C-alpha atoms as a PDB file:
ATOM      1  CA  GLN A   1     -39.837  43.650 185.615  1.00  0.00           C
ATOM      2  CA  VAL A   2     -37.483  43.221 182.773  1.00  0.00           C
ATOM      3  CA  GLN A   3     -36.119  45.824 180.289  1.00  0.00           C
ATOM      4  CA  LEU A   4     -34.629  45.670 177.030  1.00  0.00           C
ATOM      5  CA  VAL A   5     -32.027  48.564 175.814  1.00  0.00           C
ATOM      6  CA  GLU A   6     -30.998  48.363 172.029  1.00  0.00           C
ATOM      7  CA  SER A   7     -28.191  50.109 170.330  1.00  0.00           C
ATOM      8  CA  GLY A   8     -26.340  49.616 167.285  1.00  0.00           C
ATOM      9  CA  GLY A   9     -28.526  50.796 164.323  1.00  0.00           C
ATOM     10  CA  GLY A  10     -27.951  53.301 161.482  1.00  0.00           C
ATOM     11  CA  LEU A  11     -27.310  53.669 157.973  1.00  0.00           C
ATOM     12  CA  VAL A  12     -24.847  51.780 156.148  1.00  0.00           C
ATOM     13  CA  GLN A  13     -23.809  50.916 152.290  1.00  0.00           C
ATOM     14  CA  ALA A  14     -24.317  47.856 150.916  1.00  0.00           C
ATOM     15  CA  GLY A  15     -21.927  45.312 151.740  1.00  0.00           C
ATOM     16  CA  GLY A  16     -21.055  47.183 155.018  1.00  0.00           C
ATOM     17  CA  SER A  17     -21.615  45.943 158.478  1.00  0.00           C
ATOM     18  CA  LEU A  18     -23.448  47.046 161.678  1.00  0.00           C
ATOM     19  CA  ARG A  19     -23.379  45.319 165.272  1.00  0.00           C
ATOM     20  CA  LEU A  20     -26.405  45.419 167.109  1.00  0.00           C
ATOM     21  CA  SER A  21     -26.549  45.126 171.075  1.00  0.00           C
ATOM     22  CA  CYS A  22     -29.336  44.609 173.675  1.00  0.00           C
ATOM     23  CA  ALA A  23     -28.878  44.501 177.270  1.00  0.00           C
ATOM     24  CA  ALA A  24     -31.346  43.209 179.576  1.00  0.00           C
ATOM     25  CA  SER A  25     -31.901  44.308 182.947  1.00  0.00           C
ATOM     26  CA  GLY A  26     -34.503  44.064 185.814  1.00  0.00           C
ATOM     27  CA  SER A  27     -35.491  41.425 188.292  1.00  0.00           C
ATOM     28  CA  ILE A  28     -33.951  38.609 185.950  1.00  0.00           C
ATOM     29  CA  PHE A  29     -33.213  35.177 187.276  1.00  0.00           C
ATOM     30  CA  ARG A  30     -32.550  33.691 183.946  1.00  0.00           C
ATOM     31  CA  ILE A  31     -32.541  34.702 180.219  1.00  0.00           C
ATOM     32  CA  ASN A  32     -33.928  31.522 178.572  1.00  0.00           C
ATOM     33  CA  ARG A  33     -33.959  33.061 174.934  1.00  0.00           C
ATOM     34  CA  MET A  34     -32.632  36.252 173.530  1.00  0.00           C
ATOM     35  CA  GLY A  35     -33.138  37.230 169.914  1.00  0.00           C
ATOM     36  CA  TRP A  36     -33.674  39.812 167.091  1.00  0.00           C
ATOM     37  CA  TYR A  37     -36.530  40.098 164.868  1.00  0.00           C
ATOM     38  CA  ARG A  38     -37.194  42.751 162.257  1.00  0.00           C
ATOM     39  CA  GLN A  39     -39.925  44.356 160.543  1.00  0.00           C
ATOM     40  CA  ALA A  40     -39.586  46.142 157.105  1.00  0.00           C
ATOM     41  CA  PRO A  41     -42.264  48.775 155.585  1.00  0.00           C
ATOM     42  CA  GLY A  42     -45.319  46.686 154.781  1.00  0.00           C
ATOM     43  CA  LYS A  43     -44.222  43.359 155.802  1.00  0.00           C
ATOM     44  CA  GLN A  44     -44.747  41.297 158.994  1.00  0.00           C
ATOM     45  CA  ARG A  45     -42.245  40.973 161.925  1.00  0.00           C
ATOM     46  CA  GLU A  46     -39.980  37.607 161.203  1.00  0.00           C
ATOM     47  CA  LEU A  47     -37.262  36.424 163.058  1.00  0.00           C
ATOM     48  CA  VAL A  48     -33.647  37.093 162.274  1.00  0.00           C
ATOM     49  CA  ALA A  49     -31.925  35.180 164.843  1.00  0.00           C
ATOM     50  CA  CYS A  50     -32.166  33.783 168.566  1.00  0.00           C
ATOM     51  CA  ILE A  51     -29.971  31.902 171.013  1.00  0.00           C
ATOM     52  CA  THR A  52     -30.920  29.883 174.042  1.00  0.00           C
ATOM     53  CA  SER A  53     -29.466  29.980 177.705  1.00  0.00           C
ATOM     54  CA  GLU A  54     -27.894  26.543 176.335  1.00  0.00           C
ATOM     55  CA  GLY A  55     -26.345  28.385 173.349  1.00  0.00           C
ATOM     56  CA  SER A  56     -28.745  26.643 170.723  1.00  0.00           C
ATOM     57  CA  ILE A  57     -28.926  29.302 167.824  1.00  0.00           C
ATOM     58  CA  THR A  58     -31.531  29.735 165.069  1.00  0.00           C
ATOM     59  CA  TYR A  59     -31.101  31.854 161.940  1.00  0.00           C
ATOM     60  CA  THR A  60     -33.513  32.791 159.347  1.00  0.00           C
ATOM     61  CA  ASP A  61     -32.458  31.268 155.917  1.00  0.00           C
ATOM     62  CA  SER A  62     -31.674  34.922 154.389  1.00  0.00           C
ATOM     63  CA  VAL A  63     -29.071  35.715 157.004  1.00  0.00           C
ATOM     64  CA  LYS A  64     -27.263  32.603 157.242  1.00  0.00           C
ATOM     65  CA  GLY A  65     -23.791  33.111 156.538  1.00  0.00           C
ATOM     66  CA  ARG A  66     -23.976  36.906 156.924  1.00  0.00           C
ATOM     67  CA  PHE A  67     -25.145  37.477 160.524  1.00  0.00           C
ATOM     68  CA  THR A  68     -23.811  36.165 163.552  1.00  0.00           C
ATOM     69  CA  ILE A  69     -25.914  36.234 167.074  1.00  0.00           C
ATOM     70  CA  SER A  70     -23.992  35.800 170.486  1.00  0.00           C
ATOM     71  CA  ARG A  71     -24.459  36.520 173.982  1.00  0.00           C
ATOM     72  CA  ASP A  72     -22.969  37.175 177.171  1.00  0.00           C
ATOM     73  CA  ASN A  73     -24.705  35.651 179.951  1.00  0.00           C
ATOM     74  CA  ALA A  74     -22.855  37.571 182.558  1.00  0.00           C
ATOM     75  CA  LYS A  75     -24.046  40.712 181.026  1.00  0.00           C
ATOM     76  CA  ASN A  76     -27.600  39.559 179.852  1.00  0.00           C
ATOM     77  CA  THR A  77     -26.575  41.008 176.597  1.00  0.00           C
ATOM     78  CA  VAL A  78     -27.044  39.813 173.077  1.00  0.00           C
ATOM     79  CA  TYR A  79     -25.233  40.939 169.992  1.00  0.00           C
ATOM     80  CA  LEU A  80     -26.094  40.830 166.507  1.00  0.00           C
ATOM     81  CA  GLN A  81     -23.146  40.981 164.145  1.00  0.00           C
ATOM     82  CA  MET A  82     -24.313  41.889 160.512  1.00  0.00           C
ATOM     83  CA  ASN A  83     -21.909  41.499 157.848  1.00  0.00           C
ATOM     84  CA  SER A  84     -22.426  41.782 153.814  1.00  0.00           C
ATOM     85  CA  LEU A  85     -25.443  43.802 154.214  1.00  0.00           C
ATOM     86  CA  LYS A  86     -28.145  44.206 151.654  1.00  0.00           C
ATOM     87  CA  PRO A  87     -30.949  46.714 150.908  1.00  0.00           C
ATOM     88  CA  GLU A  88     -33.472  44.325 151.986  1.00  0.00           C
ATOM     89  CA  ASP A  89     -32.087  43.818 155.334  1.00  0.00           C
ATOM     90  CA  THR A  90     -33.404  47.419 155.849  1.00  0.00           C
ATOM     91  CA  ALA A  91     -35.780  47.218 158.694  1.00  0.00           C
ATOM     92  CA  VAL A  92     -36.591  48.188 162.333  1.00  0.00           C
ATOM     93  CA  TYR A  93     -34.895  45.278 164.246  1.00  0.00           C
ATOM     94  CA  TYR A  94     -36.220  44.494 167.792  1.00  0.00           C
ATOM     95  CA  CYS A  95     -34.915  42.667 170.527  1.00  0.00           C
ATOM     96  CA  ASN A  96     -36.782  39.890 172.350  1.00  0.00           C
ATOM     97  CA  ALA A  97     -36.172  38.121 175.501  1.00  0.00           C
ATOM     98  CA  VAL A  98     -37.621  35.171 177.228  1.00  0.00           C
ATOM     99  CA  ALA A  99     -36.693  35.343 180.926  1.00  0.00           C
ATOM    100  CA  THR A 100     -37.604  33.795 184.267  1.00  0.00           C
ATOM    101  CA  THR A 101     -37.900  36.545 187.227  1.00  0.00           C
ATOM    102  CA  TYR A 102     -36.843  36.112 190.671  1.00  0.00           C
ATOM    103  CA  LEU A 103     -40.749  35.766 191.393  1.00  0.00           C
ATOM    104  CA  SER A 104     -40.772  32.845 189.160  1.00  0.00           C
ATOM    105  CA  SER A 105     -42.760  34.712 186.332  1.00  0.00           C
ATOM    106  CA  TYR A 106     -42.162  33.566 182.958  1.00  0.00           C
ATOM    107  CA  VAL A 107     -41.817  36.935 180.941  1.00  0.00           C
ATOM    108  CA  GLU A 108     -41.416  37.701 177.299  1.00  0.00           C
ATOM    109  CA  VAL A 109     -40.509  41.320 176.354  1.00  0.00           C
ATOM    110  CA  TRP A 110     -39.505  43.509 173.472  1.00  0.00           C
ATOM    111  CA  GLY A 111     -37.052  46.285 172.955  1.00  0.00           C
ATOM    112  CA  GLN A 112     -37.997  49.694 171.469  1.00  0.00           C
ATOM    113  CA  GLY A 113     -36.679  48.911 168.097  1.00  0.00           C
ATOM    114  CA  THR A 114     -33.658  50.266 166.311  1.00  0.00           C
ATOM    115  CA  LEU A 115     -33.621  51.224 162.462  1.00  0.00           C
ATOM    116  CA  VAL A 116     -30.967  49.695 160.217  1.00  0.00           C
ATOM    117  CA  THR A 117     -30.990  51.144 156.945  1.00  0.00           C
ATOM    118  CA  VAL A 118     -28.970  49.790 154.075  1.00  0.00           C
ATOM    119  CA  SER A 119     -28.441  51.989 151.098  1.00  0.00           C
ATOM    120  CA  SER A 120     -27.675  50.491 147.601  1.00  0.00           C
END
């Protein structure tokens, strides 16, 4: 019903920047919330940032002031601009979306994940 396609991961040196993108497609009536989670080796998946359809934004404390989440509602796309990257930001980043479909279903979907590696 709803699919997410991520792009933008890669290898960067500490202090560098990367931009992640995630586009949603399918039988979407409304994207209620989109966001990014990450999972580092040996750790639990954690919320990085999310943004609601009304524009309300949440960041985890460790990325505040460095990462910026934004969305293009017309394109059902969310972006994560990551600046001043640190080695501890290394993880697989997953896009997440909560959507209402045209069949009035309420669904939560995940992207396939994109690897971000920050070298010291």
